[in-house]
PDB file of all heavy atoms in Angstrom:
ATOM      1  N   ASP A   1     -39.560  52.144  31.441  1.00  0.00           N
ATOM      2  CA  ASP A   1     -38.149  52.444  31.228  1.00  0.00           C
ATOM      3  C   ASP A   1     -37.719  53.720  31.945  1.00  0.00           C
ATOM      4  O   ASP A   1     -38.489  54.686  32.044  1.00  0.00           O
ATOM      5  CB  ASP A   1     -37.848  52.625  29.733  1.00  0.00           C
ATOM      6  CG  ASP A   1     -38.140  51.381  28.912  1.00  0.00           C
ATOM      7  OD1 ASP A   1     -38.239  50.291  29.502  1.00  0.00           O
ATOM      8  OD2 ASP A   1     -38.265  51.509  27.685  1.00  0.00           O
ATOM      9  N   GLY A   2     -36.490  53.727  32.418  1.00  0.00           N
ATOM     10  CA  GLY A   2     -35.869  54.948  32.900  1.00  0.00           C
ATOM     11  C   GLY A   2     -36.515  55.559  34.124  1.00  0.00           C
ATOM     12  O   GLY A   2     -36.392  56.769  34.343  1.00  0.00           O
ATOM     13  N   ASN A   3     -37.169  54.761  34.946  1.00  0.00           N
ATOM     14  CA  ASN A   3     -37.761  55.283  36.174  1.00  0.00           C
ATOM     15  C   ASN A   3     -36.714  55.312  37.288  1.00  0.00           C
ATOM     16  O   ASN A   3     -35.758  54.536  37.293  1.00  0.00           O
ATOM     17  CB  ASN A   3     -38.958  54.423  36.566  1.00  0.00           C
ATOM     18  CG  ASN A   3     -40.043  54.446  35.496  1.00  0.00           C
ATOM     19  OD1 ASN A   3     -40.732  55.442  35.318  1.00  0.00           O
ATOM     20  ND2 ASN A   3     -40.171  53.343  34.756  1.00  0.00           N
ATOM     21  N   ASN A   4     -36.910  56.209  38.245  1.00  0.00           N
ATOM     22  CA  ASN A   4     -35.879  56.434  39.255  1.00  0.00           C
ATOM     23  C   ASN A   4     -35.818  55.333  40.304  1.00  0.00           C
ATOM     24  O   ASN A   4     -34.817  55.222  41.020  1.00  0.00           O
ATOM     25  CB  ASN A   4     -36.109  57.775  39.957  1.00  0.00           C
ATOM     26  CG  ASN A   4     -34.865  58.294  40.641  1.00  0.00           C
ATOM     27  OD1 ASN A   4     -33.800  58.342  40.042  1.00  0.00           O
ATOM     28  ND2 ASN A   4     -34.991  58.665  41.903  1.00  0.00           N
ATOM     29  N   ALA A   5     -36.844  54.504  40.404  1.00  0.00           N
ATOM     30  CA  ALA A   5     -36.826  53.348  41.309  1.00  0.00           C
ATOM     31  C   ALA A   5     -36.932  52.085  40.454  1.00  0.00           C
ATOM     32  O   ALA A   5     -36.101  51.862  39.584  1.00  0.00           O
ATOM     33  CB  ALA A   5     -37.939  53.463  42.337  1.00  0.00           C
ATOM     34  N   ASN A   6     -37.942  51.261  40.668  1.00  0.00           N
ATOM     35  CA  ASN A   6     -38.103  50.024  39.909  1.00  0.00           C
ATOM     36  C   ASN A   6     -39.039  50.223  38.723  1.00  0.00           C
ATOM     37  O   ASN A   6     -39.934  51.076  38.758  1.00  0.00           O
ATOM     38  CB  ASN A   6     -38.651  48.928  40.818  1.00  0.00           C
ATOM     39  CG  ASN A   6     -37.775  48.689  42.036  1.00  0.00           C
ATOM     40  OD1 ASN A   6     -36.564  48.509  41.910  1.00  0.00           O
ATOM     41  ND2 ASN A   6     -38.375  48.706  43.219  1.00  0.00           N
ATOM     42  N   GLY A   7     -38.859  49.410  37.695  1.00  0.00           N
ATOM     43  CA  GLY A   7     -39.773  49.485  36.559  1.00  0.00           C
ATOM     44  C   GLY A   7     -41.177  49.082  36.953  1.00  0.00           C
ATOM     45  O   GLY A   7     -42.143  49.818  36.764  1.00  0.00           O
ATOM     46  N   ILE A   8     -41.312  47.860  37.517  1.00  0.00           N
ATOM     47  CA  ILE A   8     -42.571  47.369  38.065  1.00  0.00           C
ATOM     48  C   ILE A   8     -42.302  46.950  39.504  1.00  0.00           C
ATOM     49  O   ILE A   8     -41.377  46.175  39.771  1.00  0.00           O
ATOM     50  CB  ILE A   8     -43.126  46.190  37.255  1.00  0.00           C
ATOM     51  CG1 ILE A   8     -43.461  46.648  35.824  1.00  0.00           C
ATOM     52  CG2 ILE A   8     -44.353  45.590  37.920  1.00  0.00           C
ATOM     53  CD1 ILE A   8     -43.950  45.529  34.921  1.00  0.00           C
ATOM     54  N   ASN A   9     -43.113  47.447  40.440  1.00  0.00           N
ATOM     55  CA  ASN A   9     -42.924  47.205  41.862  1.00  0.00           C
ATOM     56  C   ASN A   9     -44.196  46.569  42.425  1.00  0.00           C
ATOM     57  O   ASN A   9     -45.286  47.137  42.310  1.00  0.00           O
ATOM     58  CB  ASN A   9     -42.636  48.525  42.579  1.00  0.00           C
ATOM     59  CG  ASN A   9     -42.146  48.335  43.995  1.00  0.00           C
ATOM     60  OD1 ASN A   9     -40.970  48.066  44.215  1.00  0.00           O
ATOM     61  ND2 ASN A   9     -43.031  48.490  44.963  1.00  0.00           N
ATOM     62  N   LEU A  10     -44.068  45.377  43.032  1.00  0.00           N
ATOM     63  CA  LEU A  10     -45.226  44.634  43.529  1.00  0.00           C
ATOM     64  C   LEU A  10     -45.054  44.306  45.002  1.00  0.00           C
ATOM     65  O   LEU A  10     -43.963  43.907  45.426  1.00  0.00           O
ATOM     66  CB  LEU A  10     -45.385  43.310  42.770  1.00  0.00           C
ATOM     67  CG  LEU A  10     -45.385  43.353  41.239  1.00  0.00           C
ATOM     68  CD1 LEU A  10     -45.278  41.950  40.678  1.00  0.00           C
ATOM     69  CD2 LEU A  10     -46.648  44.016  40.738  1.00  0.00           C
ATOM     70  N   PHE A  11     -46.129  44.436  45.781  1.00  0.00           N
ATOM     71  CA  PHE A  11     -46.087  44.035  47.180  1.00  0.00           C
ATOM     72  C   PHE A  11     -47.506  43.788  47.668  1.00  0.00           C
ATOM     73  O   PHE A  11     -48.488  44.151  47.014  1.00  0.00           O
ATOM     74  CB  PHE A  11     -45.394  45.099  48.039  1.00  0.00           C
ATOM     75  CG  PHE A  11     -46.123  46.416  48.115  1.00  0.00           C
ATOM     76  CD1 PHE A  11     -46.976  46.702  49.169  1.00  0.00           C
ATOM     77  CD2 PHE A  11     -45.960  47.383  47.127  1.00  0.00           C
ATOM     78  CE1 PHE A  11     -47.655  47.912  49.240  1.00  0.00           C
ATOM     79  CE2 PHE A  11     -46.631  48.594  47.183  1.00  0.00           C
ATOM     80  CZ  PHE A  11     -47.482  48.857  48.243  1.00  0.00           C
ATOM     81  N   GLY A  12     -47.606  43.128  48.832  1.00  0.00           N
ATOM     82  CA  GLY A  12     -48.917  42.960  49.463  1.00  0.00           C
ATOM     83  C   GLY A  12     -49.885  42.117  48.682  1.00  0.00           C
ATOM     84  O   GLY A  12     -51.034  42.504  48.483  1.00  0.00           O
ATOM     85  N   ASN A  13     -49.433  40.913  48.213  1.00  0.00           N
ATOM     86  CA  ASN A  13     -50.329  39.973  47.520  1.00  0.00           C
ATOM     87  C   ASN A  13     -50.915  40.540  46.235  1.00  0.00           C
ATOM     88  O   ASN A  13     -52.076  40.294  45.897  1.00  0.00           O
ATOM     89  CB  ASN A  13     -51.453  39.512  48.457  1.00  0.00           C
ATOM     90  CG  ASN A  13     -50.929  38.740  49.647  1.00  0.00           C
ATOM     91  OD1 ASN A  13     -50.132  37.825  49.506  1.00  0.00           O
ATOM     92  ND2 ASN A  13     -51.358  39.136  50.842  1.00  0.00           N
ATOM     93  N   SER A  14     -50.117  41.283  45.509  1.00  0.00           N
ATOM     94  CA  SER A  14     -50.555  41.827  44.229  1.00  0.00           C
ATOM     95  C   SER A  14     -50.075  40.951  43.077  1.00  0.00           C
ATOM     96  O   SER A  14     -49.275  40.028  43.264  1.00  0.00           O
ATOM     97  CB  SER A  14     -50.037  43.258  44.071  1.00  0.00           C
ATOM     98  OG  SER A  14     -50.629  44.107  45.039  1.00  0.00           O
ATOM     99  N   TYR A  15     -50.567  41.271  41.880  1.00  0.00           N
ATOM    100  CA  TYR A  15     -50.302  40.410  40.721  1.00  0.00           C
ATOM    101  C   TYR A  15     -50.196  41.253  39.467  1.00  0.00           C
ATOM    102  O   TYR A  15     -51.045  42.110  39.202  1.00  0.00           O
ATOM    103  CB  TYR A  15     -51.438  39.399  40.566  1.00  0.00           C
ATOM    104  CG  TYR A  15     -51.311  38.473  39.386  1.00  0.00           C
ATOM    105  CD1 TYR A  15     -50.271  37.563  39.297  1.00  0.00           C
ATOM    106  CD2 TYR A  15     -52.248  38.508  38.358  1.00  0.00           C
ATOM    107  CE1 TYR A  15     -50.172  36.704  38.217  1.00  0.00           C
ATOM    108  CE2 TYR A  15     -52.156  37.652  37.278  1.00  0.00           C
ATOM    109  CZ  TYR A  15     -51.104  36.739  37.204  1.00  0.00           C
ATOM    110  OH  TYR A  15     -51.010  35.895  36.134  1.00  0.00           O
ATOM    111  N   ALA A  16     -49.141  41.012  38.679  1.00  0.00           N
ATOM    112  CA  ALA A  16     -48.989  41.657  37.373  1.00  0.00           C
ATOM    113  C   ALA A  16     -48.780  40.575  36.327  1.00  0.00           C
ATOM    114  O   ALA A  16     -48.025  39.621  36.539  1.00  0.00           O
ATOM    115  CB  ALA A  16     -47.810  42.630  37.374  1.00  0.00           C
ATOM    116  N   GLN A  17     -49.436  40.747  35.189  1.00  0.00           N
ATOM    117  CA  GLN A  17     -49.349  39.769  34.107  1.00  0.00           C
ATOM    118  C   GLN A  17     -49.092  40.492  32.787  1.00  0.00           C
ATOM    119  O   GLN A  17     -49.786  41.455  32.453  1.00  0.00           O
ATOM    120  CB  GLN A  17     -50.645  38.965  34.015  1.00  0.00           C
ATOM    121  CG  GLN A  17     -50.681  37.960  32.875  1.00  0.00           C
ATOM    122  CD  GLN A  17     -51.988  37.213  32.842  1.00  0.00           C
ATOM    123  OE1 GLN A  17     -52.363  36.561  33.816  1.00  0.00           O
ATOM    124  NE2 GLN A  17     -52.702  37.301  31.740  1.00  0.00           N
ATOM    125  N   VAL A  18     -48.095  40.012  32.043  1.00  0.00           N
ATOM    126  CA  VAL A  18     -47.719  40.609  30.764  1.00  0.00           C
ATOM    127  C   VAL A  18     -48.231  39.715  29.639  1.00  0.00           C
ATOM    128  O   VAL A  18     -47.984  38.501  29.630  1.00  0.00           O
ATOM    129  CB  VAL A  18     -46.197  40.768  30.662  1.00  0.00           C
ATOM    130  CG1 VAL A  18     -45.796  41.239  29.272  1.00  0.00           C
ATOM    131  CG2 VAL A  18     -45.699  41.751  31.720  1.00  0.00           C
ATOM    132  N   ASN A  19     -48.937  40.333  28.680  1.00  0.00           N
ATOM    133  CA  ASN A  19     -49.545  39.599  27.568  1.00  0.00           C
ATOM    134  C   ASN A  19     -49.071  40.193  26.243  1.00  0.00           C
ATOM    135  O   ASN A  19     -49.260  41.386  25.993  1.00  0.00           O
ATOM    136  CB  ASN A  19     -51.071  39.690  27.654  1.00  0.00           C
ATOM    137  CG  ASN A  19     -51.594  39.205  28.991  1.00  0.00           C
ATOM    138  OD1 ASN A  19     -51.759  38.028  29.209  1.00  0.00           O
ATOM    139  ND2 ASN A  19     -51.820  40.143  29.916  1.00  0.00           N
ATOM    140  N   SER A  20     -48.467  39.341  25.397  1.00  0.00           N
ATOM    141  CA  SER A  20     -47.894  39.821  24.134  1.00  0.00           C
ATOM    142  C   SER A  20     -48.299  38.931  22.972  1.00  0.00           C
ATOM    143  O   SER A  20     -47.513  38.658  22.078  1.00  0.00           O
ATOM    144  CB  SER A  20     -46.361  39.876  24.250  1.00  0.00           C
ATOM    145  OG  SER A  20     -45.942  40.698  25.306  1.00  0.00           O
ATOM    146  N   TRP A  21     -49.537  38.446  22.991  1.00  0.00           N
ATOM    147  CA  TRP A  21     -49.968  37.544  21.925  1.00  0.00           C
ATOM    148  C   TRP A  21     -50.033  38.242  20.563  1.00  0.00           C
ATOM    149  O   TRP A  21     -50.094  37.591  19.529  1.00  0.00           O
ATOM    150  CB  TRP A  21     -51.334  36.952  22.266  1.00  0.00           C
ATOM    151  CG  TRP A  21     -52.440  37.969  22.316  1.00  0.00           C
ATOM    152  CD1 TRP A  21     -53.015  38.606  21.263  1.00  0.00           C
ATOM    153  CD2 TRP A  21     -53.063  38.487  23.490  1.00  0.00           C
ATOM    154  NE1 TRP A  21     -53.979  39.489  21.715  1.00  0.00           N
ATOM    155  CE2 TRP A  21     -54.031  39.440  23.067  1.00  0.00           C
ATOM    156  CE3 TRP A  21     -52.918  38.239  24.839  1.00  0.00           C
ATOM    157  CZ2 TRP A  21     -54.836  40.135  23.957  1.00  0.00           C
ATOM    158  CZ3 TRP A  21     -53.716  38.933  25.727  1.00  0.00           C
ATOM    159  CH2 TRP A  21     -54.660  39.863  25.289  1.00  0.00           C
ATOM    160  N   ASN A  22     -50.041  39.581  20.546  1.00  0.00           N
ATOM    161  CA  ASN A  22     -50.183  40.332  19.298  1.00  0.00           C
ATOM    162  C   ASN A  22     -48.865  40.551  18.581  1.00  0.00           C
ATOM    163  O   ASN A  22     -48.802  41.292  17.602  1.00  0.00           O
ATOM    164  CB  ASN A  22     -50.848  41.689  19.586  1.00  0.00           C
ATOM    165  CG  ASN A  22     -50.104  42.472  20.668  1.00  0.00           C
ATOM    166  OD1 ASN A  22     -48.970  42.159  21.009  1.00  0.00           O
ATOM    167  ND2 ASN A  22     -50.753  43.481  21.213  1.00  0.00           N
ATOM    168  N   GLY A  23     -47.783  39.924  19.051  1.00  0.00           N
ATOM    169  CA  GLY A  23     -46.488  40.057  18.395  1.00  0.00           C
ATOM    170  C   GLY A  23     -45.695  41.272  18.814  1.00  0.00           C
ATOM    171  O   GLY A  23     -44.572  41.477  18.346  1.00  0.00           O
ATOM    172  N   GLN A  24     -46.251  42.120  19.676  1.00  0.00           N
ATOM    173  CA  GLN A  24     -45.550  43.288  20.186  1.00  0.00           C
ATOM    174  C   GLN A  24     -44.787  42.916  21.461  1.00  0.00           C
ATOM    175  O   GLN A  24     -44.993  41.857  22.032  1.00  0.00           O
ATOM    176  CB  GLN A  24     -46.541  44.409  20.474  1.00  0.00           C
ATOM    177  CG  GLN A  24     -47.368  44.831  19.266  1.00  0.00           C
ATOM    178  CD  GLN A  24     -46.530  45.481  18.185  1.00  0.00           C
ATOM    179  OE1 GLN A  24     -45.683  46.316  18.457  1.00  0.00           O
ATOM    180  NE2 GLN A  24     -46.760  45.081  16.938  1.00  0.00           N
ATOM    181  N   ALA A  25     -43.899  43.820  21.904  1.00  0.00           N
ATOM    182  CA  ALA A  25     -43.020  43.522  23.031  1.00  0.00           C
ATOM    183  C   ALA A  25     -43.303  44.435  24.213  1.00  0.00           C
ATOM    184  O   ALA A  25     -43.882  45.513  24.073  1.00  0.00           O
ATOM    185  CB  ALA A  25     -41.563  43.664  22.611  1.00  0.00           C
ATOM    186  N   VAL A  26     -42.864  43.985  25.383  1.00  0.00           N
ATOM    187  CA  VAL A  26     -42.866  44.794  26.598  1.00  0.00           C
ATOM    188  C   VAL A  26     -41.414  44.954  27.050  1.00  0.00           C
ATOM    189  O   VAL A  26     -40.697  43.961  27.216  1.00  0.00           O
ATOM    190  CB  VAL A  26     -43.702  44.143  27.705  1.00  0.00           C
ATOM    191  CG1 VAL A  26     -43.542  44.902  29.018  1.00  0.00           C
ATOM    192  CG2 VAL A  26     -45.175  44.100  27.303  1.00  0.00           C
ATOM    193  N   ASN A  27     -40.984  46.204  27.228  1.00  0.00           N
ATOM    194  CA  ASN A  27     -39.617  46.504  27.640  1.00  0.00           C
ATOM    195  C   ASN A  27     -39.606  47.064  29.058  1.00  0.00           C
ATOM    196  O   ASN A  27     -40.405  47.946  29.391  1.00  0.00           O
ATOM    197  CB  ASN A  27     -38.987  47.518  26.691  1.00  0.00           C
ATOM    198  CG  ASN A  27     -38.798  46.961  25.294  1.00  0.00           C
ATOM    199  OD1 ASN A  27     -38.175  45.928  25.119  1.00  0.00           O
ATOM    200  ND2 ASN A  27     -39.352  47.640  24.310  1.00  0.00           N
ATOM    201  N   ILE A  28     -38.689  46.544  29.861  1.00  0.00           N
ATOM    202  CA  ILE A  28     -38.492  47.026  31.230  1.00  0.00           C
ATOM    203  C   ILE A  28     -36.995  47.275  31.370  1.00  0.00           C
ATOM    204  O   ILE A  28     -36.228  46.354  31.654  1.00  0.00           O
ATOM    205  CB  ILE A  28     -38.991  45.995  32.263  1.00  0.00           C
ATOM    206  CG1 ILE A  28     -40.438  45.577  31.958  1.00  0.00           C
ATOM    207  CG2 ILE A  28     -38.903  46.566  33.670  1.00  0.00           C
ATOM    208  CD1 ILE A  28     -40.945  44.430  32.813  1.00  0.00           C
ATOM    209  N   SER A  29     -36.569  48.509  31.147  1.00  0.00           N
ATOM    210  CA  SER A  29     -35.135  48.744  30.990  1.00  0.00           C
ATOM    211  C   SER A  29     -34.701  50.084  31.559  1.00  0.00           C
ATOM    212  O   SER A  29     -35.501  51.007  31.742  1.00  0.00           O
ATOM    213  CB  SER A  29     -34.751  48.682  29.512  1.00  0.00           C
ATOM    214  OG  SER A  29     -35.366  49.733  28.784  1.00  0.00           O
ATOM    215  N   ASN A  30     -33.404  50.158  31.871  1.00  0.00           N
ATOM    216  CA  ASN A  30     -32.746  51.405  32.267  1.00  0.00           C
ATOM    217  C   ASN A  30     -33.376  52.065  33.486  1.00  0.00           C
ATOM    218  O   ASN A  30     -33.325  53.294  33.634  1.00  0.00           O
ATOM    219  CB  ASN A  30     -32.713  52.384  31.087  1.00  0.00           C
ATOM    220  CG  ASN A  30     -31.874  51.858  29.944  1.00  0.00           C
ATOM    221  OD1 ASN A  30     -30.675  51.666  30.065  1.00  0.00           O
ATOM    222  ND2 ASN A  30     -32.527  51.596  28.822  1.00  0.00           N
ATOM    223  N   ASN A  31     -33.970  51.268  34.366  1.00  0.00           N
ATOM    224  CA  ASN A  31     -34.477  51.804  35.623  1.00  0.00           C
ATOM    225  C   ASN A  31     -33.335  51.865  36.648  1.00  0.00           C
ATOM    226  O   ASN A  31     -32.393  51.069  36.613  1.00  0.00           O
ATOM    227  CB  ASN A  31     -35.616  50.929  36.140  1.00  0.00           C
ATOM    228  CG  ASN A  31     -36.801  50.938  35.186  1.00  0.00           C
ATOM    229  OD1 ASN A  31     -37.534  51.919  35.101  1.00  0.00           O
ATOM    230  ND2 ASN A  31     -36.985  49.847  34.450  1.00  0.00           N
ATOM    231  N   HIS A  32     -33.436  52.824  37.578  1.00  0.00           N
ATOM    232  CA  HIS A  32     -32.367  52.993  38.560  1.00  0.00           C
ATOM    233  C   HIS A  32     -32.398  51.913  39.635  1.00  0.00           C
ATOM    234  O   HIS A  32     -31.394  51.700  40.317  1.00  0.00           O
ATOM    235  CB  HIS A  32     -32.458  54.378  39.190  1.00  0.00           C
ATOM    236  CG  HIS A  32     -32.094  55.478  38.243  1.00  0.00           C
ATOM    237  ND1 HIS A  32     -31.768  56.751  38.670  1.00  0.00           N
ATOM    238  CD2 HIS A  32     -32.001  55.503  36.892  1.00  0.00           C
ATOM    239  CE1 HIS A  32     -31.493  57.506  37.610  1.00  0.00           C
ATOM    240  NE2 HIS A  32     -31.643  56.766  36.524  1.00  0.00           N
ATOM    241  N   GLY A  33     -33.526  51.267  39.815  1.00  0.00           N
ATOM    242  CA  GLY A  33     -33.629  50.114  40.701  1.00  0.00           C
ATOM    243  C   GLY A  33     -33.627  48.844  39.872  1.00  0.00           C
ATOM    244  O   GLY A  33     -32.883  48.707  38.900  1.00  0.00           O
ATOM    245  N   SER A  34     -34.462  47.891  40.244  1.00  0.00           N
ATOM    246  CA  SER A  34     -34.586  46.642  39.498  1.00  0.00           C
ATOM    247  C   SER A  34     -35.653  46.762  38.419  1.00  0.00           C
ATOM    248  O   SER A  34     -36.530  47.639  38.478  1.00  0.00           O
ATOM    249  CB  SER A  34     -34.921  45.499  40.454  1.00  0.00           C
ATOM    250  OG  SER A  34     -33.847  45.255  41.346  1.00  0.00           O
TER     251      SER A  34
END
């Protein structure tokens, strides 16, 4: 949250995976980019 560029930034054949099986949440918000 609240980062000056993107919350999560991926390039060059990279991979990100979000896992929330424990009932908790992941928030990606209020970033100045995407």
